[in-house]
């Protein structure tokens, strides 16, 4: 299926796919009223010897333009810059996304954080995105950032629709908060479901969750709101555990005030389908393995054994 055409102040967007024939190109052009006759277009292209010269790409066609002008544009490959492919890994927080977009040349560092993205933490879906490359010096950076945020929010709604459709607003938010913690705490789907079960039991019994990742996020969030990058993996958790905050699950019972990362479908599904067990504690060893314990005494021994 050909992609949709878009029209803006610079002209009509027209896509030529790799391997697309001259006749198919002519048919699409005629369908958009960009040429009067597709037969004349094909004939002119063949007569001028350019039937095999069209380059795939995304073109901006400003009207009026002649058939000769179009053939020249396509055969010379005067297309717009290619879209930039950017992958946002599961569990990335808004500062991680800001840095990824900056390194891809799509934004300036801090643009994403300063555009309200911090308040959307958890709802910016991690995925591979094809983002339009607009590196003109006159480009409207704010508009570009807003479009990226909109695309990530729309992707979240589309990708999570089936999983979250039966949940109310409060239940949905709780599921995303739990999923965001699972992304930062454990790696495998099975471990995510077990930890989700532990979180559910501790909440039910009024026990603090005592999750390090929430404390680390609370430390960095203050800098996120200033538009600054902060690596949550380097946050000083020990010194910040005694300091109360809305993300300190040692000092406060219940869930943190909001998500601490942007979870993927596996984590969200695990949050919605916790596996109940006899465990109340867990920790991640230095090799990434999750060690589960049933009692506080077992947990202390595990810490001494695996975290030395």
Foldseek 3Di string as FASTA:
>chain_A
DDDDWDQDPQAIKDWDAVPRFLLNSLVVCVVVVLDDDSVVLVVVCVVVPQRPQFDTAIAGDDPDDDSVRVSVCRNVVVHADFFQKFFFDFLAWQQSVLVRCCVSVLAPQLLLLQLCVNVVFQQQAGGIDRADDDNDPPDDRNVSSVVNSVVRNVVSCVQCCVVCVVDDPVVVQVLSQLLSLLRVFADDLLVLQQLLQLLVVCLVVQHQSQRQLLQLLQVCSVVSNVSDRDDSVPRDSVVRQVPDDLSNSNVDHDTRPGHSHHHHPSSSVSNVRHDHDLFNDWHAAPVRDIDTDNDPVVVVVCCVVRVD
